[in-house]
């Protein structure tokens, strides 16, 4: 099994939240981090965030606690020139595109996550490759 970079500070932060989707958040953390050993986990916008080469690439939206957890795929905080097309092909239909360089995957329960794990791992890999 590949080692993943679970960040203790993120775990402690999540443990203190007592979030209703805590188990789902944990599954998404493992899924994202297992996609690329170079991803670094930290906290941004009151949720888990994933960086590649010190650049924010994926942020988990967990606040305010609602009936879902979202992964925001992006190219960092600064607005950049838009690519002509979506950065990756969404062959699994998991993403809602906000712009060609920003998309959201929404999970309403553990079943959504379990059914999407393999596809989500591939999307994370493609996203990191496309945004290097």
Protein backbone atom coordinates (compact mmCIF):
# COMPACT_ATOMS: atom_id res chain seq x y z
CA UNK A 1 0.00 0.00 0.00
CA UNK A 2 1.26 3.45 -0.93
CA UNK A 3 1.99 5.78 1.95
CA UNK A 4 -0.09 8.92 1.90
CA UNK A 5 0.71 12.29 3.43
CA UNK A 6 -2.11 12.60 5.98
CA UNK A 7 -1.44 15.87 7.80
CA UNK A 8 -1.87 15.62 11.59
CA UNK A 9 -2.87 19.30 11.85
CA UNK A 10 -5.69 18.70 9.36
CA UNK A 11 -6.79 15.61 11.30
CA UNK A 12 -6.77 17.56 14.58
CA UNK A 13 -8.71 20.43 12.94
CA UNK A 14 -11.34 18.01 11.62
CA UNK A 15 -11.61 16.16 14.93
CA UNK A 16 -12.41 19.44 16.69
CA UNK A 17 -15.14 20.33 14.18
CA UNK A 18 -17.39 17.41 15.03
CA UNK A 19 -18.56 17.62 11.38
CA UNK A 20 -21.64 15.56 10.41
CA UNK A 21 -19.76 14.35 7.30
CA UNK A 22 -16.55 13.46 9.15
CA UNK A 23 -16.37 9.91 7.73
CA UNK A 24 -17.01 11.14 4.19
CA UNK A 25 -14.35 13.83 4.57
CA UNK A 26 -11.85 11.20 5.71
CA UNK A 27 -12.59 8.99 2.70
CA UNK A 28 -12.11 11.94 0.35
CA UNK A 29 -8.81 12.85 2.05
CA UNK A 30 -7.50 9.33 1.51
CA UNK A 31 -8.75 9.24 -2.08
CA UNK A 32 -7.15 12.56 -3.03
CA UNK A 33 -3.86 11.91 -1.25
CA UNK A 34 -3.52 8.40 -2.66
CA UNK A 35 -3.74 9.78 -6.21
CA UNK A 36 -0.31 11.45 -6.04
CA UNK A 37 2.40 11.02 -3.41
CA UNK A 38 3.58 14.60 -4.04
CA UNK A 39 0.33 16.19 -2.86
CA UNK A 40 0.67 18.08 0.41
CA UNK A 41 -2.36 18.53 2.66
CA UNK A 42 -3.04 21.67 4.67
CA UNK A 43 -5.97 23.85 5.78
CA UNK A 44 -7.40 26.57 3.56
CA UNK A 45 -10.81 28.24 3.68
CA UNK A 46 -11.64 26.17 6.81
CA UNK A 47 -11.19 22.83 5.06
CA UNK A 48 -8.61 20.36 3.79
CA UNK A 49 -6.56 21.71 0.88
CA UNK A 50 -4.14 19.95 -1.44
CA UNK A 51 -1.03 21.51 -2.97
CA UNK A 52 1.31 20.35 -5.68
CA UNK A 53 4.70 22.13 -5.88
CA UNK A 54 3.43 24.64 -3.28
CA UNK A 55 0.49 25.58 -5.51
CA UNK A 56 -3.09 25.04 -4.32
CA UNK A 57 -4.89 22.65 -6.67
CA UNK A 58 -7.82 21.02 -4.83
CA UNK A 59 -9.76 22.37 -1.86
CA UNK A 60 -12.45 20.55 0.08
CA UNK A 61 -15.52 22.64 0.86
CA UNK A 62 -16.87 21.47 4.20
CA UNK A 63 -18.08 24.79 5.66
CA UNK A 64 -20.75 25.53 6.50
CA UNK A 65 -21.75 21.93 7.25
CA UNK A 66 -24.51 21.15 4.77
CA UNK A 67 -25.88 18.00 3.21
CA UNK A 68 -22.80 17.50 1.02
CA UNK A 69 -19.03 17.74 0.75
CA UNK A 70 -17.39 19.24 -2.32
CA UNK A 71 -13.96 19.09 -3.93
CA UNK A 72 -13.05 22.29 -5.74
CA UNK A 73 -10.52 21.73 -8.52
CA UNK A 74 -8.67 24.96 -9.31
CA UNK A 75 -5.32 26.53 -10.23
CA UNK A 76 -4.77 28.58 -7.08
CA UNK A 77 -6.16 31.76 -5.61
CA UNK A 78 -4.99 34.14 -8.35
CA UNK A 79 -7.17 34.57 -11.42
CA UNK A 80 -5.37 33.29 -14.50
CA UNK A 81 -6.05 33.54 -18.20
CA UNK A 82 -8.71 30.99 -19.09
CA UNK A 83 -7.75 28.06 -21.28
CA UNK A 84 -9.88 27.67 -24.42
CA UNK A 85 -11.26 24.32 -23.23
CA UNK A 86 -11.76 22.53 -19.93
CA UNK A 87 -8.39 21.55 -18.45
CA UNK A 88 -9.30 17.88 -18.36
CA UNK A 89 -11.89 15.69 -20.01
CA UNK A 90 -14.66 14.77 -17.58
CA UNK A 91 -15.36 11.32 -18.98
CA UNK A 92 -16.91 10.23 -15.65
CA UNK A 93 -19.37 13.17 -15.47
CA UNK A 94 -18.36 13.92 -11.87
CA UNK A 95 -17.46 17.57 -12.38
CA UNK A 96 -19.55 20.72 -12.65
CA UNK A 97 -17.45 23.28 -14.53
CA UNK A 98 -17.48 26.86 -13.21
CA UNK A 99 -14.82 28.00 -15.69
CA UNK A 100 -12.45 26.05 -17.92
CA UNK A 101 -9.93 25.94 -15.06
CA UNK A 102 -12.31 25.42 -12.13
CA UNK A 103 -14.67 22.55 -11.43
CA UNK A 104 -16.56 21.07 -8.50
CA UNK A 105 -17.27 17.46 -7.56
CA UNK A 106 -20.14 17.04 -5.08
CA UNK A 107 -20.71 14.08 -2.78
CA UNK A 108 -23.95 13.76 -0.81
CA UNK A 109 -23.11 10.56 1.09
CA UNK A 110 -20.59 7.78 1.58
CA UNK A 111 -22.16 5.76 -1.24
CA UNK A 112 -21.42 8.60 -3.70
CA UNK A 113 -17.78 8.54 -2.61
CA UNK A 114 -17.47 4.74 -2.68
CA UNK A 115 -19.00 4.60 -6.17
CA UNK A 116 -16.67 7.34 -7.44
CA UNK A 117 -13.34 6.45 -5.78
CA UNK A 118 -11.52 5.00 -8.80
CA UNK A 119 -12.83 7.72 -11.11
CA UNK A 120 -12.05 10.46 -8.60
CA UNK A 121 -8.47 9.20 -8.19
CA UNK A 122 -8.03 9.39 -11.95
CA UNK A 123 -9.53 12.90 -12.07
CA UNK A 124 -7.10 14.06 -9.35
CA UNK A 125 -4.15 12.62 -11.29
CA UNK A 126 -5.29 14.25 -14.53
CA UNK A 127 -5.91 17.57 -12.75
CA UNK A 128 -2.42 17.62 -11.22
CA UNK A 129 -0.86 16.74 -14.60
CA UNK A 130 -2.90 19.43 -16.40
CA UNK A 131 -2.09 22.16 -13.85
CA UNK A 132 1.65 21.55 -13.37
